[in-house]
Protein backbone atom coordinates (compact mmCIF):
# COMPACT_ATOMS: atom_id res chain seq x y z
CA MET A 1 0.00 0.00 0.00
CA VAL A 2 2.82 2.36 0.91
CA ASN A 3 4.61 1.48 -2.35
CA ILE A 4 1.46 2.22 -4.32
CA LYS A 5 1.15 5.64 -2.65
CA LYS A 6 4.81 6.36 -3.39
CA LYS A 7 4.29 5.45 -7.04
CA ILE A 8 1.24 7.73 -7.26
CA VAL A 9 3.07 10.65 -5.64
CA THR A 10 6.06 10.09 -7.92
CA LYS A 11 3.83 10.10 -11.03
CA VAL A 12 2.08 13.28 -9.90
CA LEU A 13 5.40 15.00 -9.26
CA VAL A 14 6.84 13.89 -12.61
CA THR A 15 3.65 14.92 -14.44
CA SER A 16 3.68 18.30 -12.68
CA LEU A 17 7.32 18.87 -13.58
CA LEU A 18 6.67 17.91 -17.21
CA LEU A 19 3.64 20.22 -17.32
CA LEU A 20 5.60 23.14 -15.86
CA SER A 21 8.41 22.49 -18.32
CA SER A 22 5.91 22.42 -21.18
CA LEU A 23 4.29 25.69 -20.07
CA SER A 24 7.66 27.35 -19.66
CA SER A 25 8.67 26.26 -23.16
CA ALA A 26 5.36 27.45 -24.64
CA SER A 27 5.72 30.78 -22.84
CA ALA A 28 9.21 31.19 -24.26
CA ARG A 29 7.93 30.42 -27.74
CA LEU A 30 5.08 32.91 -27.38
CA SER A 31 7.49 35.57 -26.11
CA SER A 32 9.75 34.88 -29.06
CA GLN A 33 6.78 35.12 -31.44
CA ASP A 34 5.68 38.41 -29.86
CA ASN A 35 9.14 39.86 -30.26
CA SER A 36 9.30 38.59 -33.81
CA SER A 37 5.89 40.10 -34.57
CA SER A 38 6.93 43.40 -33.04
CA ASP A 39 10.11 43.44 -35.10
CA GLU A 40 8.15 42.58 -38.22
CA ASP A 41 5.63 45.38 -37.60
CA TYR A 42 8.45 47.85 -37.08
CA SER A 43 10.14 46.62 -40.22
CA ASN A 44 6.93 47.01 -42.23
CA ASN A 45 6.51 50.52 -40.87
CA ASP A 46 10.04 51.33 -42.00
CA LEU A 47 9.14 50.11 -45.49
CA LYS A 48 6.25 52.57 -45.79
CA GLU A 49 6.89 55.30 -48.33
CA LYS A 50 4.77 58.29 -49.34
CA TRP A 51 4.14 59.52 -52.86
CA VAL A 52 2.34 62.55 -54.26
CA VAL A 53 1.14 63.58 -57.73
CA ILE A 54 0.49 67.33 -58.17
CA ILE A 55 -1.57 68.39 -61.19
CA CYS A 56 -1.94 71.99 -62.34
CA GLY A 57 -4.87 72.05 -64.75
CA GLY A 58 -3.91 75.35 -66.36
CA GLU A 59 -6.19 77.74 -68.18
CA ARG A 60 -6.58 79.01 -71.72
CA PRO A 61 -4.97 82.46 -72.00
CA LYS A 62 -7.58 85.19 -72.24
CA LYS A 63 -7.47 88.01 -74.75
CA ASP A 64 -7.23 90.69 -72.08
CA ILE A 65 -4.94 88.67 -69.82
CA LYS A 66 -1.73 87.30 -71.30
CA ASP A 67 -1.59 84.46 -68.77
CA GLY A 68 -4.88 83.42 -67.22
CA ALA A 69 -3.56 80.51 -65.15
CA LYS A 70 -1.41 82.32 -62.59
CA ASN A 71 -3.62 81.48 -59.61
CA PHE A 72 -3.66 77.75 -60.45
CA ARG A 73 0.09 77.73 -61.02
CA LYS A 74 0.78 79.60 -57.80
CA THR A 75 -1.38 77.09 -55.92
CA SER A 76 0.46 74.14 -57.50
CA VAL A 77 3.82 75.64 -56.55
CA HIS A 78 2.45 76.13 -53.01
CA VAL A 79 1.47 72.43 -52.93
CA TYR A 80 4.91 71.36 -54.20
CA GLU A 81 6.69 73.54 -51.63
CA THR A 82 4.48 72.15 -48.86
CA TYR A 83 5.50 68.55 -49.56
CA LYS A 84 9.14 69.55 -49.89
CA LYS A 85 8.89 71.21 -46.48
CA LEU A 86 7.40 67.99 -45.12
CA GLY A 87 10.50 66.08 -46.18
CA TYR A 88 9.57 64.69 -49.61
CA ASP A 89 12.34 64.61 -52.21
CA ASP A 90 11.70 64.98 -55.92
CA GLU A 91 11.85 61.20 -56.33
CA HIS A 92 8.60 61.00 -54.35
CA ILE A 93 6.81 63.89 -56.10
CA PHE A 94 5.46 63.93 -59.65
CA PHE A 95 4.71 67.57 -60.48
CA ILE A 96 2.68 68.29 -63.62
CA HIS A 97 3.15 71.97 -64.46
CA ASP A 98 0.83 73.90 -66.75
CA LYS A 99 3.46 75.52 -68.99
CA ASN A 100 7.07 75.40 -67.83
CA VAL A 101 8.83 72.05 -67.69
CA SER A 102 12.01 73.76 -66.46
CA ALA A 103 10.25 75.11 -63.34
CA GLU A 104 11.57 73.81 -60.02
CA GLY A 105 10.39 70.25 -59.48
CA ALA A 106 8.37 70.06 -62.71
CA ASP A 107 8.31 66.68 -64.45
CA CYS A 108 6.18 67.50 -67.48
CA ILE A 109 3.60 69.87 -69.01
CA VAL A 110 -0.05 69.11 -68.38
CA SER A 111 -2.12 67.01 -70.77
CA LYS A 112 -4.63 64.22 -70.28
CA SER A 113 -2.18 61.54 -71.42
CA ARG A 114 0.44 62.79 -68.93
CA VAL A 115 -2.02 62.82 -66.04
CA ARG A 116 -2.89 59.24 -66.95
CA TYR A 117 0.81 58.35 -67.08
CA ALA A 118 1.48 59.94 -63.67
CA ILE A 119 -1.22 57.79 -62.06
CA THR A 120 -1.25 54.51 -63.97
CA GLU A 121 2.50 54.22 -64.56
CA TRP A 122 4.60 56.44 -62.29
CA LEU A 123 2.46 56.06 -59.15
CA ASP A 124 1.52 52.46 -59.91
CA ASN A 125 5.18 51.49 -60.43
CA HIS A 126 6.36 53.17 -57.23
CA SER A 127 3.63 52.47 -54.68
CA ASP A 128 2.71 49.20 -52.99
CA TYR A 129 0.28 48.14 -50.26
CA ASN A 130 2.58 49.54 -47.54
CA ASP A 131 2.55 53.05 -48.94
CA ASP A 132 0.44 56.21 -48.62
CA CYS A 133 -0.32 58.14 -51.80
CA CYS A 134 -1.82 61.54 -52.49
CA ILE A 135 -3.14 63.08 -55.73
CA VAL A 136 -3.75 66.85 -55.77
CA PHE A 137 -5.58 68.60 -58.60
CA ASN A 138 -6.25 72.31 -58.93
CA GLY A 139 -7.80 74.06 -61.90
CA HIS A 140 -11.14 74.44 -63.63
CA GLY A 141 -13.80 71.80 -63.25
CA GLY A 142 -17.38 71.01 -64.12
CA PRO A 143 -19.89 68.41 -62.92
CA GLY A 144 -17.99 65.12 -63.15
CA LEU A 145 -14.99 66.50 -65.02
CA LEU A 146 -11.64 68.22 -64.56
CA SER A 147 -10.45 70.67 -67.20
CA LEU A 148 -6.88 70.70 -68.54
CA TRP A 149 -5.35 73.23 -70.91
CA ASP A 150 -2.76 71.57 -73.14
CA ILE A 151 -0.55 74.53 -74.05
CA GLU A 152 1.41 72.47 -76.60
CA LYS A 153 -1.66 71.49 -78.62
CA ASN A 154 -3.55 74.68 -77.73
CA ILE A 155 -6.68 72.71 -76.82
CA SER A 156 -8.82 71.93 -73.78
CA GLU A 157 -8.92 68.34 -72.57
CA PHE A 158 -11.13 66.79 -69.92
CA VAL A 159 -10.58 64.11 -67.30
CA TYR A 160 -14.00 62.63 -66.58
CA PHE A 161 -14.93 60.91 -63.32
CA PHE A 162 -14.89 57.48 -65.02
CA ASP A 163 -11.34 58.15 -66.32
CA PHE A 164 -10.10 59.10 -62.87
CA SER A 165 -11.88 56.18 -61.21
CA LYS A 166 -10.43 53.65 -63.67
CA TRP A 167 -6.90 55.04 -63.32
CA ILE A 168 -6.74 55.05 -59.53
CA ASP A 169 -8.18 51.52 -59.37
CA GLN A 170 -4.85 50.35 -60.80
CA ILE A 171 -2.78 51.64 -57.86
CA ASP A 172 -1.69 49.61 -54.83
CA TYR A 173 -1.63 51.64 -51.60
CA ASN A 174 -2.26 51.65 -47.87
CA VAL A 175 -4.19 54.95 -47.90
CA LEU A 176 -4.94 57.08 -50.96
CA THR A 177 -5.81 60.75 -50.39
CA ILE A 178 -7.35 62.71 -53.29
CA ILE A 179 -7.64 66.50 -53.01
CA ILE A 180 -9.57 68.30 -55.76
CA ASP A 181 -9.81 72.08 -55.73
CA SER A 182 -12.07 73.17 -58.56
CA CYS A 183 -15.64 74.22 -59.15
CA TYR A 184 -18.09 71.31 -58.74
CA SER A 185 -15.34 69.13 -57.25
CA GLY A 186 -17.84 67.51 -54.90
CA THR A 187 -19.22 65.54 -57.86
CA PHE A 188 -16.09 63.36 -57.72
CA ILE A 189 -16.81 62.00 -54.24
CA ARG A 190 -19.44 59.45 -55.23
CA PRO A 191 -17.51 57.79 -58.10
CA LEU A 192 -14.12 57.79 -56.31
CA SER A 193 -15.26 56.69 -52.84
CA LYS A 194 -13.77 53.35 -51.86
CA GLU A 195 -12.13 51.59 -48.90
CA ASN A 196 -8.96 53.25 -47.55
CA ARG A 197 -9.50 56.39 -49.62
CA ILE A 198 -9.83 59.97 -48.37
CA ILE A 199 -11.67 62.17 -50.87
CA ILE A 200 -11.44 65.92 -50.18
CA SER A 201 -13.28 68.43 -52.36
CA SER A 202 -13.12 72.20 -52.10
CA THR A 203 -16.82 72.53 -52.94
CA ALA A 204 -20.14 70.78 -52.69
CA PRO A 205 -21.18 68.89 -55.86
CA PHE A 206 -22.87 71.81 -57.60
CA ARG A 207 -21.07 74.80 -56.11
CA LYS A 208 -18.36 77.03 -57.50
CA GLY A 209 -15.02 77.72 -55.90
CA ILE A 210 -13.07 80.93 -55.72
CA ALA A 211 -9.55 81.83 -56.85
CA LEU A 212 -7.68 85.12 -56.45
CA ASN A 213 -3.88 85.12 -56.26
CA GLU A 214 -4.32 81.45 -55.32
CA ILE A 215 -7.26 79.12 -54.97
CA VAL A 216 -8.61 80.10 -51.58
CA PHE A 217 -9.40 76.62 -50.18
CA SER A 218 -5.96 75.25 -51.10
CA TYR A 219 -4.22 78.36 -49.75
CA HIS A 220 -5.61 77.68 -46.26
CA PHE A 221 -5.44 73.87 -46.52
CA PHE A 222 -1.77 73.64 -47.52
CA ASN A 223 -0.66 76.40 -45.16
CA LYS A 224 -1.98 74.23 -42.34
CA LEU A 225 -0.76 70.95 -43.82
CA ALA A 226 2.78 72.37 -43.90
CA GLU A 227 2.73 72.15 -40.09
CA ASN A 228 2.54 68.33 -40.51
CA VAL A 229 -0.94 68.11 -39.09
CA SER A 230 -3.18 65.33 -40.41
CA TYR A 231 -5.19 65.72 -43.60
CA GLY A 232 -8.28 65.86 -41.40
CA LYS A 233 -6.97 68.76 -39.32
CA ALA A 234 -5.95 70.66 -42.46
CA TRP A 235 -9.47 70.14 -43.84
CA GLU A 236 -11.02 71.43 -40.59
CA TYR A 237 -8.83 74.54 -40.72
CA ALA A 238 -9.59 75.36 -44.38
CA ASP A 239 -13.28 74.68 -43.84
CA LYS A 240 -13.33 77.12 -40.93
CA GLN A 241 -11.56 79.82 -42.95
CA LEU A 242 -14.12 79.53 -45.74
CA ALA A 243 -17.00 79.52 -43.26
CA CYS A 244 -15.58 82.77 -41.83
CA MET A 245 -15.10 84.06 -45.42
CA ASN A 246 -11.48 84.79 -44.58
CA ILE A 247 -9.50 86.24 -47.50
CA PRO A 248 -6.05 87.39 -46.29
CA LYS A 249 -4.47 90.44 -47.90
CA ASP A 250 -1.86 88.41 -49.79
CA LEU A 251 -4.62 86.57 -51.65
CA TRP A 252 -5.98 89.73 -53.23
CA PRO A 253 -4.46 90.43 -56.67
CA ASP A 254 -3.13 93.84 -57.65
CA LEU A 255 -6.35 94.86 -59.35
CA GLY A 256 -5.58 98.36 -60.54
CA LYS A 257 -9.33 98.97 -60.53
CA THR A 258 -11.52 101.73 -59.18
CA PHE A 259 -12.81 101.49 -55.64
CA TYR A 260 -16.29 100.65 -56.98
CA GLU A 261 -15.00 97.78 -59.16
CA THR A 262 -12.91 96.46 -56.29
CA LEU A 263 -15.92 96.58 -53.97
CA LYS A 264 -18.01 94.68 -56.53
CA LEU A 265 -15.35 91.96 -56.73
CA TRP A 266 -15.10 91.78 -52.93
CA VAL A 267 -18.90 91.31 -52.62
CA LYS A 268 -18.89 88.67 -55.36
CA CYS A 269 -16.07 86.75 -53.65
CA LYS A 270 -17.82 86.84 -50.30
CA LYS A 271 -21.03 85.60 -51.90
CA VAL A 272 -19.28 82.65 -53.57
CA MET A 273 -17.42 81.78 -50.36
CA PHE A 274 -20.66 81.87 -48.39
CA LEU A 275 -22.14 79.28 -50.76
CA GLN A 276 -18.94 77.22 -51.13
CA ASN A 277 -18.49 74.48 -48.59
CA PRO A 278 -15.80 71.80 -48.67
CA LYS A 279 -16.70 68.11 -48.42
CA ILE A 280 -14.87 65.04 -47.16
CA ASP A 281 -15.50 61.30 -47.46
CA ASP A 282 -13.29 58.62 -45.94
CA ASN A 283 -15.73 55.94 -44.75
CA TRP A 284 -16.40 54.87 -48.34
CA ASP A 285 -20.17 55.37 -48.14
CA ARG A 286 -19.99 57.55 -51.29
CA GLN A 287 -21.35 60.57 -49.43
CA GLY A 288 -19.30 63.65 -48.67
CA HIS A 289 -20.03 65.58 -45.49
CA GLY A 290 -19.50 69.19 -44.46
CA ASN A 291 -21.94 72.09 -44.29
CA HIS A 292 -21.66 75.88 -44.53
CA PHE A 293 -20.46 76.18 -40.94
CA ALA A 294 -17.06 75.38 -39.42
CA ASN A 295 -17.13 71.60 -39.01
CA LYS A 296 -15.28 69.38 -36.58
CA LEU A 297 -14.43 65.86 -37.70
CA PRO A 298 -15.69 63.20 -37.66
CA ILE A 299 -19.03 64.09 -39.29
CA ILE A 300 -21.53 61.23 -39.63
CA GLY A 301 -18.67 58.73 -39.84
CA ASP A 302 -16.45 60.76 -42.16
CA GLY A 303 -13.11 62.09 -40.95
CA LYS A 304 -11.66 59.37 -38.71
CA LEU A 305 -9.23 58.10 -41.32
CA ALA A 306 -8.29 61.65 -42.38
CA LEU A 307 -7.63 62.70 -38.77
CA ASN A 308 -5.16 59.83 -38.46
CA THR A 309 -3.43 60.17 -41.82
CA TYR A 310 -0.43 62.48 -41.94
CA PRO A 311 1.42 63.72 -45.02
CA GLY A 312 4.84 63.54 -43.35
CA LYS A 313 6.66 60.77 -41.50
CA VAL A 314 3.97 60.13 -38.87
CA SER A 315 2.13 56.88 -39.56
CA PHE A 316 -0.58 54.85 -37.84
CA ASP A 317 -2.40 51.53 -37.78
CA LYS A 318 -5.83 51.81 -39.46
CA ASN A 319 -7.06 48.82 -37.42
CA LYS A 320 -6.55 50.75 -34.18
CA ILE A 321 -8.63 53.82 -35.07
CA GLY A 322 -11.18 54.41 -32.34
CA ASP A 323 -13.63 57.22 -31.79
CA VAL A 324 -11.82 60.49 -32.32
């Protein structure tokens, strides 16, 4: 009987020791896996790159104005300088100028075929699923279209919403941000809305935008973005400035007009700005949100991704976005 008890105790002790040894080994393996996972995540984060395509739509020269595209060009240069300030080199920027290929940072002169190349070849060849991409357009627009002035062919060309949608569907990315500053730019939200995309428009679908020395929405948006805030915070800031109808002195052109003509222009600008309201969509429900007042994100689900997406080196995990 005593021998039997000893055997039982011995078996229990041996079993316990084996179990403890097994748990210790499993714990070590789990710890090793955790460290490996952490290293892998860090490595993947290091592999993330950021790319931007800047498109200046240009404008047909008017009879009474030798160069009618100065405000669009100045805005595009502002956009280029913003990303340079944020640490992008020219290898990560594709800048489509409206007339001068020798301008700082310019890669080519605008045309529909070159916009298509920038997206479907340059951006597609450089970006992968780790990367964040941004496409910025400024120029004239209409419902469902962006207007380009090809100075070499001396013709207007149009990028329609179905062109743009088809081109960007070819790109691999982590997050794609699209910023369109033109009249009626809100009409692009519905056709471009998709998972992991931030669509920012300077206007509601059937509203006009305003340009003076620069396009007013982009002036405020990129001034704020240069501080390396998120795209969402830059949108909030620009939206507030338009809601307050804020036109700084350096946006007013040298008019050389009478006081009465200047006053008429000032009233017209204020009227357009009162009606203009930027929109944003980043929850891929195909509906942009933003009203005529200063909005705080998120709005009805839109804005969480934008608030956590930064143009510079700051990155984040989309799966960890909570209520902001």
